[in-house]
N, C-alpha and C. Protein backbone atom coordinates (compact mmCIF):
# COMPACT_ATOMS: atom_id res chain seq x y z
N UNK A 1 107.88 115.87 103.84
CA UNK A 1 108.81 114.81 103.42
C UNK A 1 110.27 115.05 103.66
N UNK A 2 110.60 116.26 103.61
CA UNK A 2 111.69 116.72 104.11
C UNK A 2 112.36 116.39 105.43
N UNK A 3 111.28 116.51 106.60
CA UNK A 3 111.64 116.15 107.82
C UNK A 3 111.72 114.71 107.81
N UNK A 4 111.02 113.88 107.21
CA UNK A 4 111.02 112.42 107.34
C UNK A 4 112.23 111.87 106.96
N UNK A 5 112.94 112.32 105.71
CA UNK A 5 114.14 111.90 105.18
C UNK A 5 115.33 112.10 105.87
N UNK A 6 115.02 113.44 106.48
CA UNK A 6 116.24 113.63 107.57
C UNK A 6 116.31 112.98 108.64
N UNK A 7 115.15 112.54 109.36
CA UNK A 7 114.71 111.51 110.34
C UNK A 7 115.41 110.25 109.85
N UNK A 8 115.22 109.77 108.95
CA UNK A 8 115.64 108.35 108.22
C UNK A 8 117.03 108.34 108.01
N UNK A 9 117.58 109.56 107.80
CA UNK A 9 119.02 109.53 107.22
C UNK A 9 119.92 109.52 108.41
N UNK A 10 119.28 110.01 109.65
CA UNK A 10 120.48 109.88 110.93
C UNK A 10 120.66 108.26 111.28
N UNK A 11 119.56 107.55 111.55
CA UNK A 11 120.14 106.16 111.87
C UNK A 11 120.67 105.58 110.76
N UNK A 12 120.30 105.52 109.74
CA UNK A 12 121.16 104.91 108.57
C UNK A 12 122.64 105.27 108.36
N UNK A 13 122.89 106.52 108.76
CA UNK A 13 124.17 107.13 108.86
C UNK A 13 124.91 106.36 109.88
N UNK A 14 124.38 106.31 110.89
CA UNK A 14 124.83 105.76 112.34
C UNK A 14 125.10 104.38 112.21
N UNK A 15 124.39 103.76 111.36
CA UNK A 15 124.46 102.30 111.06
C UNK A 15 125.61 102.23 110.18
N UNK A 16 125.96 102.67 109.13
CA UNK A 16 126.91 102.63 108.26
C UNK A 16 128.29 103.00 108.86
N UNK A 17 128.14 104.15 110.05
CA UNK A 17 129.56 104.28 110.61
C UNK A 17 129.66 102.99 111.59
N UNK A 18 128.92 102.39 112.15
CA UNK A 18 128.97 101.34 112.95
C UNK A 18 129.66 100.07 112.45
N UNK A 19 128.88 99.72 111.33
CA UNK A 19 129.24 98.50 110.98
C UNK A 19 129.95 98.43 109.50
N UNK A 20 129.81 99.46 108.87
CA UNK A 20 130.68 99.47 107.35
C UNK A 20 131.98 100.15 107.72
N UNK A 21 132.07 101.46 108.24
CA UNK A 21 133.24 102.03 108.60
C UNK A 21 134.09 101.56 109.88
N UNK A 22 133.23 100.95 110.74
CA UNK A 22 133.85 100.29 111.97
C UNK A 22 134.27 101.38 112.76
N UNK A 23 133.60 102.64 112.94
CA UNK A 23 134.09 103.73 113.74
C UNK A 23 133.46 103.27 115.24
N UNK A 24 134.23 103.27 116.18
CA UNK A 24 133.81 102.89 117.38
C UNK A 24 133.56 104.13 118.45
N UNK A 25 134.01 105.30 118.11
CA UNK A 25 133.65 106.35 119.06
C UNK A 25 132.36 106.87 118.87
N UNK A 26 131.49 107.00 119.84
CA UNK A 26 130.38 107.49 119.87
C UNK A 26 130.09 108.98 119.42
N UNK A 27 131.04 109.92 119.83
CA UNK A 27 130.83 111.20 119.57
C UNK A 27 131.28 111.39 117.80
N UNK A 28 132.23 110.68 117.32
CA UNK A 28 132.42 110.59 115.93
C UNK A 28 131.22 110.21 115.14
N UNK A 29 130.35 109.20 115.65
CA UNK A 29 129.35 108.71 114.97
C UNK A 29 128.25 109.76 114.92
N UNK A 30 128.21 110.38 116.15
CA UNK A 30 127.13 111.21 116.20
C UNK A 30 127.28 112.40 115.67
N UNK A 31 128.55 112.83 115.39
CA UNK A 31 128.77 114.16 114.45
C UNK A 31 128.49 113.76 112.96
N UNK A 32 129.01 112.68 112.63
CA UNK A 32 128.98 112.46 111.30
C UNK A 32 127.47 111.98 110.77
N UNK A 33 126.52 111.43 111.83
CA UNK A 33 125.02 111.23 111.38
C UNK A 33 124.52 112.61 111.54
N UNK A 34 124.69 113.31 112.30
CA UNK A 34 124.01 114.61 112.57
C UNK A 34 124.22 115.52 111.13
N UNK A 35 125.58 115.57 110.89
CA UNK A 35 126.06 116.29 109.59
C UNK A 35 125.35 115.54 108.42
N UNK A 36 125.23 114.59 108.37
CA UNK A 36 124.64 113.72 107.10
C UNK A 36 123.08 114.16 107.17
N UNK A 37 122.44 114.32 108.42
CA UNK A 37 120.96 114.50 108.28
C UNK A 37 120.77 116.10 107.93
N UNK A 38 121.91 116.99 108.24
CA UNK A 38 121.55 118.31 108.24
C UNK A 38 121.94 118.48 106.50
N UNK A 39 122.74 117.82 106.12
CA UNK A 39 122.97 117.99 104.85
C UNK A 39 121.72 117.40 103.73
N UNK A 40 121.25 116.40 104.20
CA UNK A 40 120.04 115.99 103.32
C UNK A 40 118.77 116.91 103.48
N UNK A 41 118.91 117.54 104.63
CA UNK A 41 117.67 118.81 104.82
C UNK A 41 118.12 120.05 103.86
N UNK A 42 119.41 120.47 103.95
CA UNK A 42 119.64 121.50 103.18
C UNK A 42 119.53 121.24 101.61
N UNK A 43 120.10 120.24 101.53
CA UNK A 43 120.12 119.65 99.92
C UNK A 43 118.55 119.81 99.29
N UNK A 44 117.56 119.19 100.13
CA UNK A 44 116.30 118.94 99.71
C UNK A 44 115.71 120.17 99.58
N UNK A 45 116.20 121.21 100.62
CA UNK A 45 115.68 122.59 100.58
C UNK A 45 116.38 123.48 99.19
N UNK A 46 117.28 123.12 99.05
CA UNK A 46 117.98 123.92 97.70
C UNK A 46 117.36 123.30 96.38
N UNK A 47 116.90 122.14 96.56
CA UNK A 47 116.33 121.44 95.27
C UNK A 47 114.94 122.03 94.95
N UNK A 48 114.11 122.13 96.24
CA UNK A 48 112.84 122.79 96.29
C UNK A 48 112.66 124.41 95.78
N UNK A 49 113.81 125.06 96.27
CA UNK A 49 113.87 126.40 96.02
C UNK A 49 113.60 126.76 94.75
N UNK A 50 114.34 126.40 93.54
CA UNK A 50 114.00 126.70 92.32
C UNK A 50 112.71 126.54 91.79
N UNK A 51 112.20 125.41 92.08
CA UNK A 51 110.72 125.31 91.77
C UNK A 51 109.73 126.11 92.49
N UNK A 52 109.93 126.60 93.56
CA UNK A 52 109.32 127.59 94.22
C UNK A 52 109.40 128.99 93.65
N UNK A 53 110.54 129.27 93.16
CA UNK A 53 110.67 130.49 92.51
C UNK A 53 109.98 130.49 91.31
N UNK A 54 109.87 129.47 90.54
CA UNK A 54 109.44 129.33 89.11
C UNK A 54 107.92 129.60 89.42
N UNK A 55 107.30 128.92 90.38
CA UNK A 55 106.04 129.15 90.61
C UNK A 55 105.45 130.40 90.93
N UNK A 56 106.28 131.24 91.95
CA UNK A 56 105.99 132.43 91.94
C UNK A 56 105.97 133.46 90.63
N UNK A 57 106.92 133.25 89.84
CA UNK A 57 107.24 134.10 88.58
C UNK A 57 105.86 133.82 87.75
N UNK A 58 105.21 132.47 87.74
CA UNK A 58 104.29 132.37 86.78
C UNK A 58 102.90 132.95 87.40
N UNK A 59 102.94 133.36 88.49
CA UNK A 59 101.72 133.80 89.22
C UNK A 59 101.57 135.40 88.81
N UNK A 60 102.73 135.98 88.71
CA UNK A 60 102.69 137.50 88.09
C UNK A 60 102.14 137.80 86.87
């Protein structure tokens, strides 16, 4: 699920940069889109981390 959301974030961020923010530079759009995708991946990982730690402690 985490990878799917990351993959979906990239084109959405690209479209936002193109049509909403009117950024014409391809490099700027690329960097912003990749940064958004990486942020989504990291944030989902952080949100899942405490849940996994709680599950590990309950098993002990």
